[in-house]
Amino acid sequence: MYTQPMILPINADGTLYVAQDERGECIGTGTREVCQALIDIVIRAKASEPFKPSHTSTHANVRAAIVI
């Protein structure tokens, strides 16, 4: 098992890479810059607070096609 996300080369030329998370699962493929951006997004998402939806109020005089 990995301890941190990794970028590994896929081809012998070193032009194509795969980004893997700390569990060894593939996040995505692309150039080294793309893989680094994907890993940065994953790290920031785990460091931030969980998503909390805002409280919505209902008004009797407002109609919608979809009731939430």
C-alpha atoms as a PDB file:
ATOM      1  CA  MET A   1       0.000   0.000   0.000  1.00  0.00           C
ATOM      2  CA  TYR A   2       1.194   3.489  -0.826  1.00  0.00           C
ATOM      3  CA  THR A   3       1.604   6.193   1.800  1.00  0.00           C
ATOM      4  CA  GLN A   4       1.131   9.171  -0.506  1.00  0.00           C
ATOM      5  CA  PRO A   5      -0.134   9.881  -4.045  1.00  0.00           C
ATOM      6  CA  MET A   6       2.400   9.054  -6.746  1.00  0.00           C
ATOM      7  CA  ILE A   7       3.108   9.872 -10.397  1.00  0.00           C
ATOM      8  CA  LEU A   8       4.450   6.930 -12.402  1.00  0.00           C
ATOM      9  CA  PRO A   9       5.572   6.846 -16.066  1.00  0.00           C
ATOM     10  CA  ILE A  10       3.524   4.672 -18.415  1.00  0.00           C
ATOM     11  CA  ASN A  11       5.697   4.634 -21.529  1.00  0.00           C
ATOM     12  CA  ALA A  12       9.445   4.358 -22.081  1.00  0.00           C
ATOM     13  CA  ASP A  13       9.687   7.892 -23.531  1.00  0.00           C
ATOM     14  CA  GLY A  14       8.469   9.438 -20.288  1.00  0.00           C
ATOM     15  CA  THR A  15       5.802  11.495 -22.024  1.00  0.00           C
ATOM     16  CA  LEU A  16       2.774   9.761 -20.529  1.00  0.00           C
ATOM     17  CA  TYR A  17       2.159   9.335 -16.803  1.00  0.00           C
ATOM     18  CA  VAL A  18      -0.443   7.910 -14.427  1.00  0.00           C
ATOM     19  CA  ALA A  19      -1.429   9.529 -11.128  1.00  0.00           C
ATOM     20  CA  GLN A  20      -2.257   7.128  -8.297  1.00  0.00           C
ATOM     21  CA  ASP A  21      -3.780   7.929  -4.922  1.00  0.00           C
ATOM     22  CA  GLU A  22      -2.507   6.624  -1.578  1.00  0.00           C
ATOM     23  CA  ARG A  23      -4.473   3.390  -2.072  1.00  0.00           C
ATOM     24  CA  GLY A  24      -2.798   2.720  -5.436  1.00  0.00           C
ATOM     25  CA  GLU A  25      -5.926   3.469  -7.461  1.00  0.00           C
ATOM     26  CA  CYS A  26      -5.600   5.354 -10.744  1.00  0.00           C
ATOM     27  CA  ILE A  27      -6.739   8.987 -10.533  1.00  0.00           C
ATOM     28  CA  GLY A  28      -5.964   9.823 -14.140  1.00  0.00           C
ATOM     29  CA  THR A  29      -3.410   9.844 -16.932  1.00  0.00           C
ATOM     30  CA  GLY A  30      -1.704  12.509 -18.998  1.00  0.00           C
ATOM     31  CA  THR A  31       1.420  14.610 -19.012  1.00  0.00           C
ATOM     32  CA  ARG A  32       3.389  15.049 -15.814  1.00  0.00           C
ATOM     33  CA  GLU A  33       1.840  18.502 -15.316  1.00  0.00           C
ATOM     34  CA  VAL A  34      -1.687  17.128 -15.630  1.00  0.00           C
ATOM     35  CA  CYS A  35      -0.967  14.340 -13.143  1.00  0.00           C
ATOM     36  CA  GLN A  36       0.549  16.819 -10.681  1.00  0.00           C
ATOM     37  CA  ALA A  37      -2.555  19.011 -10.967  1.00  0.00           C
ATOM     38  CA  LEU A  38      -4.796  15.998 -10.276  1.00  0.00           C
ATOM     39  CA  ILE A  39      -2.794  15.056  -7.197  1.00  0.00           C
ATOM     40  CA  ASP A  40      -2.900  18.658  -5.941  1.00  0.00           C
ATOM     41  CA  ILE A  41      -6.691  18.668  -6.299  1.00  0.00           C
ATOM     42  CA  VAL A  42      -7.010  15.406  -4.353  1.00  0.00           C
ATOM     43  CA  ILE A  43      -4.728  16.642  -1.562  1.00  0.00           C
ATOM     44  CA  ARG A  44      -6.611  19.958  -1.250  1.00  0.00           C
ATOM     45  CA  ALA A  45      -9.987  18.208  -1.231  1.00  0.00           C
ATOM     46  CA  LYS A  46      -8.933  15.943   1.636  1.00  0.00           C
ATOM     47  CA  ALA A  47      -7.499  18.853   3.640  1.00  0.00           C
ATOM     48  CA  SER A  48     -10.592  21.045   3.317  1.00  0.00           C
ATOM     49  CA  GLU A  49     -13.705  20.843   5.465  1.00  0.00           C
ATOM     50  CA  PRO A  50     -16.498  18.531   4.344  1.00  0.00           C
ATOM     51  CA  PHE A  51     -19.232  20.049   2.214  1.00  0.00           C
ATOM     52  CA  LYS A  52     -22.092  21.490   4.260  1.00  0.00           C
ATOM     53  CA  PRO A  53     -25.172  22.490   2.283  1.00  0.00           C
ATOM     54  CA  SER A  54     -26.693  25.804   3.263  1.00  0.00           C
ATOM     55  CA  HIS A  55     -30.068  25.924   4.940  1.00  0.00           C
ATOM     56  CA  THR A  56     -32.855  26.642   2.489  1.00  0.00           C
ATOM     57  CA  SER A  57     -36.092  28.204   3.508  1.00  0.00           C
ATOM     58  CA  THR A  58     -39.437  27.511   1.914  1.00  0.00           C
ATOM     59  CA  HIS A  59     -41.912  30.168   0.931  1.00  0.00           C
ATOM     60  CA  ALA A  60     -45.572  29.388   0.355  1.00  0.00           C
ATOM     61  CA  ASN A  61     -45.932  31.943  -2.452  1.00  0.00           C
ATOM     62  CA  VAL A  62     -43.088  30.475  -4.598  1.00  0.00           C
ATOM     63  CA  ARG A  63     -43.712  27.610  -6.995  1.00  0.00           C
ATOM     64  CA  ALA A  64     -41.111  25.454  -8.674  1.00  0.00           C
ATOM     65  CA  ALA A  65     -41.140  22.713 -11.276  1.00  0.00           C
ATOM     66  CA  ILE A  66     -38.969  20.564  -9.015  1.00  0.00           C
ATOM     67  CA  VAL A  67     -39.633  20.291  -5.286  1.00  0.00           C
ATOM     68  CA  ILE A  68     -36.393  20.049  -3.315  1.00  0.00           C
END
